Amino acid sequence: MKKTFGLTGGIASGKSTIAKMFRDHHGAALVDADQLAREIVAPGTPGLNAVVDAFGDQILQPDGSLDRAKLGEIVFSDRSQLKILESITHPRIAVAAMTRIAQLQDTDAPYVLYEAALLVENGLHSMFAKTIVVAVDEATQIARMKSRDGLSDDECHERLDAQLPLADKLAVADFVIENDGTLDEARVRVSEVHESLLTLANDDGDDARSEP
């Protein structure tokens, strides 16, 4: 069975860009938790129905799809509302992730990467063979959120406060990829980590952690 490694980082850390480097340059199979999160609340799904039951029709677009911006305003300003949303989405994402990882076992990929923002928050990092953390400083995160999502300072801090501090993620990291620099610098570090993952993926011995 292919080894599966967890990849995480704070909001706007560039973890998706890093994940795509592993996929596009090194052939890793990629499972994106954020994409799964979108799929499990697509129109007509039980997941979306459950979210609407919890938060009302106000979180729907005119076409019946989820208004993620509106839902974000609700849950990131009230931690109890965020917990309700997570109780709906996280079990469904977990099932979808395990299904996707199983489907990737027959591919030529050397290993599988599971990319998830809340990997450490949810305690899921211990399920994977190793954990990779993409790290940037808070000022960079805020600047990226403002530029990418048009968020205010308060909205940026609400989203940062909903995640663990970077130090807590670094404490459980097996590999760290600093992503404050250039893309070329990031590619070099990704290549270094890939070589280590490749060695682990080809090692048939037991690891301290088991993969899902």
Protein backbone atom coordinates (compact mmCIF):
# COMPACT_ATOMS: atom_id res chain seq x y z
CA MET A 1 0.00 0.00 0.00
CA LYS A 2 1.29 3.47 -0.90
CA LYS A 3 2.37 5.58 2.03
CA THR A 4 0.27 8.66 2.65
CA PHE A 5 1.84 11.83 4.03
CA GLY A 6 -0.02 14.78 5.54
CA LEU A 7 0.61 18.31 4.26
CA THR A 8 -0.67 21.29 6.20
CA GLY A 9 -0.09 24.95 6.98
CA GLY A 10 -1.98 28.00 8.12
CA ILE A 11 -4.42 29.95 5.99
CA ALA A 12 -2.69 31.74 3.09
CA SER A 13 0.56 29.88 3.73
CA GLY A 14 0.67 28.72 0.13
CA LYS A 15 0.20 25.06 0.99
CA SER A 16 -1.85 24.43 -2.16
CA THR A 17 0.95 25.85 -4.29
CA ILE A 18 3.44 23.61 -2.49
CA ALA A 19 1.16 20.58 -2.87
CA LYS A 20 0.94 21.17 -6.62
CA MET A 21 4.74 21.29 -6.81
CA PHE A 22 4.86 17.80 -5.31
CA ARG A 23 2.26 16.64 -7.83
CA ASP A 24 3.46 18.41 -10.97
CA HIS A 25 7.23 18.08 -10.49
CA HIS A 26 7.52 14.82 -8.57
CA GLY A 27 4.44 12.77 -9.50
CA ALA A 28 2.82 12.64 -6.07
CA ALA A 29 -0.86 11.77 -5.92
CA LEU A 30 -2.72 14.63 -4.28
CA VAL A 31 -5.89 14.60 -2.18
CA ASP A 32 -7.11 18.12 -1.42
CA ALA A 33 -9.33 18.37 1.66
CA ASP A 34 -10.62 21.79 0.58
CA GLN A 35 -11.77 20.36 -2.74
CA LEU A 36 -13.47 17.50 -0.91
CA ALA A 37 -15.12 20.08 1.35
CA ARG A 38 -16.61 21.71 -1.72
CA GLU A 39 -17.78 18.39 -3.14
CA ILE A 40 -19.60 17.27 0.01
CA VAL A 41 -21.69 20.47 0.03
CA ALA A 42 -22.42 20.58 -3.70
CA PRO A 43 -26.06 21.26 -4.68
CA GLY A 44 -28.29 18.26 -4.00
CA THR A 45 -25.92 16.58 -1.53
CA PRO A 46 -26.88 15.49 1.99
CA GLY A 47 -24.02 17.65 3.22
CA LEU A 48 -25.50 20.85 1.80
CA ASN A 49 -28.93 19.91 3.10
CA ALA A 50 -27.45 19.50 6.58
CA VAL A 51 -25.69 22.87 6.39
CA VAL A 52 -28.91 24.57 5.30
CA ASP A 53 -30.80 22.89 8.14
CA ALA A 54 -28.24 24.30 10.59
CA PHE A 55 -27.78 27.81 9.19
CA GLY A 56 -30.85 28.53 7.07
CA ASP A 57 -31.39 29.51 3.45
CA GLN A 58 -29.36 32.68 3.99
CA ILE A 59 -26.19 30.74 3.20
CA LEU A 60 -27.38 29.81 -0.30
CA GLN A 61 -26.68 31.58 -3.58
CA PRO A 62 -29.66 32.34 -5.87
CA ASP A 63 -28.75 29.22 -7.90
CA GLY A 64 -28.97 27.01 -4.82
CA SER A 65 -25.20 26.58 -4.33
CA LEU A 66 -23.44 27.35 -1.06
CA ASP A 67 -22.48 30.98 -0.46
CA ARG A 68 -19.11 30.28 1.14
CA ALA A 69 -18.43 33.95 1.85
CA LYS A 70 -21.70 34.37 3.73
CA LEU A 71 -21.17 31.15 5.67
CA GLY A 72 -17.64 32.28 6.50
CA GLU A 73 -18.95 35.53 7.96
CA ILE A 74 -21.19 33.52 10.28
CA VAL A 75 -18.81 30.83 11.48
CA PHE A 76 -15.59 32.83 11.80
CA SER A 77 -17.27 35.46 13.99
CA ASP A 78 -18.76 32.86 16.36
CA ARG A 79 -16.71 29.87 17.45
CA SER A 80 -19.85 27.90 18.44
CA GLN A 81 -21.20 28.23 14.91
CA LEU A 82 -17.88 27.05 13.52
CA LYS A 83 -18.10 23.95 15.73
CA ILE A 84 -21.57 23.20 14.34
CA LEU A 85 -20.30 23.48 10.77
CA GLU A 86 -17.30 21.27 11.51
CA SER A 87 -19.55 18.60 13.05
CA ILE A 88 -21.40 18.45 9.73
CA THR A 89 -18.50 18.63 7.31
CA HIS A 90 -15.53 16.91 8.96
CA PRO A 91 -16.97 13.36 9.12
CA ARG A 92 -18.06 13.62 5.50
CA ILE A 93 -14.67 14.93 4.40
CA ALA A 94 -12.94 12.09 6.26
CA VAL A 95 -15.02 9.46 4.46
CA ALA A 96 -14.43 11.13 1.08
CA ALA A 97 -10.68 11.36 1.79
CA MET A 98 -10.34 7.68 2.65
CA THR A 99 -12.26 6.78 -0.50
CA ARG A 100 -10.02 8.98 -2.65
CA ILE A 101 -6.82 7.65 -1.09
CA ALA A 102 -7.98 4.09 -1.75
CA GLN A 103 -8.70 4.96 -5.39
CA LEU A 104 -5.15 6.26 -5.82
CA GLN A 105 -3.50 3.01 -4.76
CA ASP A 106 -3.46 1.68 -8.33
CA THR A 107 -1.75 4.73 -9.82
CA ASP A 108 1.94 5.09 -10.64
CA ALA A 109 2.40 7.81 -8.02
CA PRO A 110 5.26 7.10 -5.58
CA TYR A 111 3.13 8.23 -2.62
CA VAL A 112 -0.03 10.12 -1.68
CA LEU A 113 -0.18 13.60 -0.16
CA TYR A 114 -3.24 14.59 1.86
CA GLU A 115 -3.44 18.38 1.95
CA ALA A 116 -5.59 19.81 4.75
CA ALA A 117 -5.55 23.12 6.62
CA LEU A 118 -6.82 21.63 9.88
CA LEU A 119 -4.74 18.46 9.91
CA VAL A 120 -3.18 19.19 13.29
CA GLU A 121 -6.25 20.87 14.81
CA ASN A 122 -8.26 17.71 14.19
CA GLY A 123 -5.51 15.38 15.38
CA LEU A 124 -5.39 13.70 11.98
CA HIS A 125 -1.66 14.22 11.51
CA SER A 126 -0.98 11.16 13.66
CA MET A 127 -2.77 8.98 11.10
CA PHE A 128 -0.23 9.68 8.38
CA ALA A 129 3.28 8.35 7.89
CA LYS A 130 4.84 11.83 8.22
CA THR A 131 3.65 15.42 8.49
CA ILE A 132 4.85 18.32 6.34
CA VAL A 133 4.14 21.87 7.52
CA VAL A 134 4.25 24.87 5.18
CA ALA A 135 5.34 27.87 7.25
CA VAL A 136 5.03 31.63 6.69
CA ASP A 137 4.95 34.52 9.14
CA GLU A 138 1.65 36.09 10.19
CA ALA A 139 2.30 39.36 8.35
CA THR A 140 2.63 37.42 5.09
CA GLN A 141 -0.58 35.52 5.80
CA ILE A 142 -2.52 38.72 6.42
CA ALA A 143 -1.14 40.42 3.31
CA ARG A 144 -2.06 37.41 1.19
CA MET A 145 -5.59 37.19 2.64
CA LYS A 146 -6.19 40.86 1.97
CA SER A 147 -4.91 40.58 -1.59
CA ARG A 148 -6.52 37.24 -2.41
CA ASP A 149 -9.82 37.41 -0.55
CA GLY A 150 -10.32 41.13 0.02
CA LEU A 151 -10.63 40.64 3.79
CA SER A 152 -10.35 43.33 6.44
CA ASP A 153 -7.83 43.18 9.29
CA ASP A 154 -10.52 41.93 11.67
CA GLU A 155 -11.64 39.23 9.24
CA CYS A 156 -8.03 38.11 8.74
CA HIS A 157 -7.50 37.79 12.48
CA GLU A 158 -10.80 35.90 12.92
CA ARG A 159 -9.58 33.30 10.44
CA LEU A 160 -6.14 33.11 12.02
CA ASP A 161 -7.68 32.69 15.46
CA ALA A 162 -9.75 29.75 14.19
CA GLN A 163 -6.54 27.79 13.55
CA LEU A 164 -3.73 26.65 15.79
CA PRO A 165 -0.70 28.92 16.08
CA LEU A 166 2.10 28.01 13.68
CA ALA A 167 4.32 27.00 16.60
CA ASP A 168 1.89 24.21 17.53
CA LYS A 169 2.00 22.85 13.99
CA LEU A 170 5.77 23.07 13.82
CA ALA A 171 5.95 21.09 17.05
CA VAL A 172 4.55 18.00 15.30
CA ALA A 173 6.19 18.54 11.90
CA ASP A 174 8.54 15.97 10.43
CA PHE A 175 9.40 18.32 7.56
CA VAL A 176 9.06 22.10 7.31
CA ILE A 177 8.86 24.08 4.08
CA GLU A 178 9.42 27.81 4.58
CA ASN A 179 7.31 29.65 2.03
CA ASP A 180 8.15 33.31 2.64
CA GLY A 181 10.62 33.48 -0.22
CA THR A 182 10.54 32.99 -3.98
CA LEU A 183 8.88 30.16 -5.86
CA ASP A 184 12.31 28.92 -6.93
CA GLU A 185 13.38 28.67 -3.29
CA ALA A 186 10.20 26.76 -2.48
CA ARG A 187 10.80 24.35 -5.38
CA VAL A 188 14.27 23.57 -4.10
CA ARG A 189 12.94 22.75 -0.64
CA VAL A 190 10.08 20.68 -2.09
CA SER A 191 12.64 18.66 -4.06
CA GLU A 192 14.63 18.02 -0.88
CA VAL A 193 11.56 16.88 1.02
CA HIS A 194 10.44 14.76 -1.94
CA GLU A 195 13.70 12.81 -1.86
CA SER A 196 13.14 12.04 1.82
CA LEU A 197 9.53 11.03 1.20
CA LEU A 198 10.61 8.83 -1.69
CA THR A 199 13.01 6.97 0.58
CA LEU A 200 10.25 6.50 3.16
CA ALA A 201 7.77 5.42 0.50
CA ASN A 202 10.14 2.72 -0.71
CA ASP A 203 10.87 1.48 2.80
CA ASP A 204 8.82 -1.61 3.57
CA GLY A 205 9.69 -1.46 7.24
CA ASP A 206 7.26 -0.35 9.92
CA ASP A 207 6.94 3.36 10.59
CA ALA A 208 6.21 4.99 13.94
CA ARG A 209 2.84 5.96 12.54
CA SER A 210 0.43 4.06 10.41
CA GLU A 211 -1.20 5.42 7.28
CA PRO A 212 -4.98 5.50 6.90
